Amino acid sequence: MANTRSAEKRARQSARRHLHNKSVKSAIKTAKKRVLEALQKGDAKELQEATSVYVSRLDKAAKRGIIHRNTANRNKSRISTLIAKRSSQPTAG
């Protein structure tokens, strides 16, 4: 337990930041899921839009220090590689 007023304040701030950071990370995961769903459907417009949102959320989180910048870059690289790989494959039909 915090012994000083400043330590109590830091604990409150930490708890508030933890909740905010948790929601940002959750939004990133949701955006990734939307990209993968759009990729599965094969809808190019929806895929472009979802990818843009995902990359934007990653960049903002990295800029604010919620996730490490290398983590953001790695995730962007992986998703773009996956999109390129899937789009180059011929569709069955």
C-alpha atoms as a PDB file:
ATOM      1  CA  MET A   1       0.000   0.000   0.000  1.00  0.00           C
ATOM      2  CA  ALA A   2       1.176   3.513  -0.761  1.00  0.00           C
ATOM      3  CA  ASN A   3       2.668   5.383   2.183  1.00  0.00           C
ATOM      4  CA  THR A   4       2.650   8.940   0.855  1.00  0.00           C
ATOM      5  CA  ARG A   5       0.168  11.158  -0.963  1.00  0.00           C
ATOM      6  CA  SER A   6       2.380  11.214  -4.034  1.00  0.00           C
ATOM      7  CA  ALA A   7       2.607   7.417  -4.064  1.00  0.00           C
ATOM      8  CA  GLU A   8      -1.193   7.186  -3.779  1.00  0.00           C
ATOM      9  CA  LYS A   9      -1.531   9.552  -6.733  1.00  0.00           C
ATOM     10  CA  ARG A  10       0.964   7.537  -8.785  1.00  0.00           C
ATOM     11  CA  ALA A  11      -1.026   4.389  -8.019  1.00  0.00           C
ATOM     12  CA  ARG A  12      -4.233   6.058  -9.239  1.00  0.00           C
ATOM     13  CA  GLN A  13      -2.511   7.312 -12.382  1.00  0.00           C
ATOM     14  CA  SER A  14      -1.021   3.909 -13.054  1.00  0.00           C
ATOM     15  CA  ALA A  15      -4.404   2.199 -12.728  1.00  0.00           C
ATOM     16  CA  ARG A  16      -6.010   4.739 -15.075  1.00  0.00           C
ATOM     17  CA  ARG A  17      -3.237   4.386 -17.664  1.00  0.00           C
ATOM     18  CA  HIS A  18      -3.390   0.597 -17.415  1.00  0.00           C
ATOM     19  CA  LEU A  19      -7.089   0.627 -18.351  1.00  0.00           C
ATOM     20  CA  HIS A  20      -6.497   3.011 -21.245  1.00  0.00           C
ATOM     21  CA  ASN A  21      -3.527   1.038 -22.605  1.00  0.00           C
ATOM     22  CA  LYS A  22      -5.504  -2.180 -22.293  1.00  0.00           C
ATOM     23  CA  SER A  23      -8.342  -0.732 -24.381  1.00  0.00           C
ATOM     24  CA  VAL A  24      -5.890   0.489 -27.053  1.00  0.00           C
ATOM     25  CA  LYS A  25      -4.303  -2.961 -27.303  1.00  0.00           C
ATOM     26  CA  SER A  26      -7.762  -4.526 -27.546  1.00  0.00           C
ATOM     27  CA  ALA A  27      -8.664  -2.134 -30.386  1.00  0.00           C
ATOM     28  CA  ILE A  28      -5.474  -3.159 -32.202  1.00  0.00           C
ATOM     29  CA  LYS A  29      -6.404  -6.830 -31.918  1.00  0.00           C
ATOM     30  CA  THR A  30      -9.922  -6.114 -33.186  1.00  0.00           C
ATOM     31  CA  ALA A  31      -8.525  -4.176 -36.150  1.00  0.00           C
ATOM     32  CA  LYS A  32      -6.229  -7.103 -36.972  1.00  0.00           C
ATOM     33  CA  LYS A  33      -9.164  -9.484 -36.827  1.00  0.00           C
ATOM     34  CA  ARG A  34     -11.093  -7.267 -39.277  1.00  0.00           C
ATOM     35  CA  VAL A  35      -8.141  -7.305 -41.688  1.00  0.00           C
ATOM     36  CA  LEU A  36      -7.978 -11.094 -41.564  1.00  0.00           C
ATOM     37  CA  GLU A  37     -11.747 -11.378 -42.088  1.00  0.00           C
ATOM     38  CA  ALA A  38     -11.590  -9.049 -45.097  1.00  0.00           C
ATOM     39  CA  LEU A  39      -8.699 -11.074 -46.465  1.00  0.00           C
ATOM     40  CA  GLN A  40     -10.725 -14.251 -46.051  1.00  0.00           C
ATOM     41  CA  LYS A  41     -13.723 -12.734 -47.886  1.00  0.00           C
ATOM     42  CA  GLY A  42     -11.571 -11.437 -50.700  1.00  0.00           C
ATOM     43  CA  ASP A  43     -13.160  -7.978 -50.679  1.00  0.00           C
ATOM     44  CA  ALA A  44     -10.389  -5.652 -51.890  1.00  0.00           C
ATOM     45  CA  LYS A  45     -12.042  -2.392 -50.818  1.00  0.00           C
ATOM     46  CA  GLU A  46     -12.848  -3.663 -47.341  1.00  0.00           C
ATOM     47  CA  LEU A  47      -9.330  -5.103 -47.048  1.00  0.00           C
ATOM     48  CA  GLN A  48      -7.750  -1.771 -47.976  1.00  0.00           C
ATOM     49  CA  GLU A  49      -9.879   0.091 -45.440  1.00  0.00           C
ATOM     50  CA  ALA A  50      -9.282  -2.428 -42.645  1.00  0.00           C
ATOM     51  CA  THR A  51      -5.538  -2.478 -43.300  1.00  0.00           C
ATOM     52  CA  SER A  52      -5.401   1.306 -43.157  1.00  0.00           C
ATOM     53  CA  VAL A  53      -7.184   1.335 -39.788  1.00  0.00           C
ATOM     54  CA  TYR A  54      -4.932  -1.420 -38.416  1.00  0.00           C
ATOM     55  CA  VAL A  55      -1.702   0.295 -39.482  1.00  0.00           C
ATOM     56  CA  SER A  56      -2.943   3.611 -38.108  1.00  0.00           C
ATOM     57  CA  ARG A  57      -3.764   2.102 -34.715  1.00  0.00           C
ATOM     58  CA  LEU A  58      -0.360   0.404 -34.571  1.00  0.00           C
ATOM     59  CA  ASP A  59       1.455   3.631 -35.414  1.00  0.00           C
ATOM     60  CA  LYS A  60      -0.475   5.662 -32.854  1.00  0.00           C
ATOM     61  CA  ALA A  61       0.099   3.095 -30.122  1.00  0.00           C
ATOM     62  CA  ALA A  62       3.821   2.995 -30.922  1.00  0.00           C
ATOM     63  CA  LYS A  63       4.036   6.785 -30.960  1.00  0.00           C
ATOM     64  CA  ARG A  64       2.421   6.969 -27.519  1.00  0.00           C
ATOM     65  CA  GLY A  65       4.615   4.213 -26.105  1.00  0.00           C
ATOM     66  CA  ILE A  66       1.808   1.727 -25.546  1.00  0.00           C
ATOM     67  CA  ILE A  67       3.614  -0.821 -27.691  1.00  0.00           C
ATOM     68  CA  HIS A  68       7.233  -0.807 -28.826  1.00  0.00           C
ATOM     69  CA  ARG A  69       7.893   0.679 -32.259  1.00  0.00           C
ATOM     70  CA  ASN A  70       9.610  -2.510 -33.446  1.00  0.00           C
ATOM     71  CA  THR A  71       6.537  -4.509 -32.436  1.00  0.00           C
ATOM     72  CA  ALA A  72       4.358  -2.183 -34.509  1.00  0.00           C
ATOM     73  CA  ASN A  73       6.715  -2.459 -37.481  1.00  0.00           C
ATOM     74  CA  ARG A  74       6.879  -6.243 -37.185  1.00  0.00           C
ATOM     75  CA  ASN A  75       3.084  -6.526 -37.110  1.00  0.00           C
ATOM     76  CA  LYS A  76       2.705  -4.221 -40.122  1.00  0.00           C
ATOM     77  CA  SER A  77       5.294  -6.227 -42.033  1.00  0.00           C
ATOM     78  CA  ARG A  78       3.649  -9.543 -41.238  1.00  0.00           C
ATOM     79  CA  ILE A  79       0.192  -8.401 -42.273  1.00  0.00           C
ATOM     80  CA  SER A  80       1.443  -6.856 -45.514  1.00  0.00           C
ATOM     81  CA  THR A  81       3.380 -10.029 -46.335  1.00  0.00           C
ATOM     82  CA  LEU A  82       0.274 -12.100 -45.677  1.00  0.00           C
ATOM     83  CA  ILE A  83      -1.837  -9.844 -47.881  1.00  0.00           C
ATOM     84  CA  ALA A  84       0.720  -9.991 -50.690  1.00  0.00           C
ATOM     85  CA  LYS A  85       0.951 -13.771 -50.424  1.00  0.00           C
ATOM     86  CA  ARG A  86      -2.820 -14.268 -50.449  1.00  0.00           C
ATOM     87  CA  SER A  87      -3.463 -11.816 -53.271  1.00  0.00           C
ATOM     88  CA  SER A  88      -0.877 -13.485 -55.508  1.00  0.00           C
ATOM     89  CA  GLN A  89      -2.479 -16.916 -55.088  1.00  0.00           C
ATOM     90  CA  PRO A  90      -4.912 -17.923 -57.828  1.00  0.00           C
ATOM     91  CA  THR A  91      -8.491 -18.360 -56.639  1.00  0.00           C
ATOM     92  CA  ALA A  92     -10.206 -21.701 -57.044  1.00  0.00           C
ATOM     93  CA  GLY A  93     -13.066 -21.549 -59.457  1.00  0.00           C
END
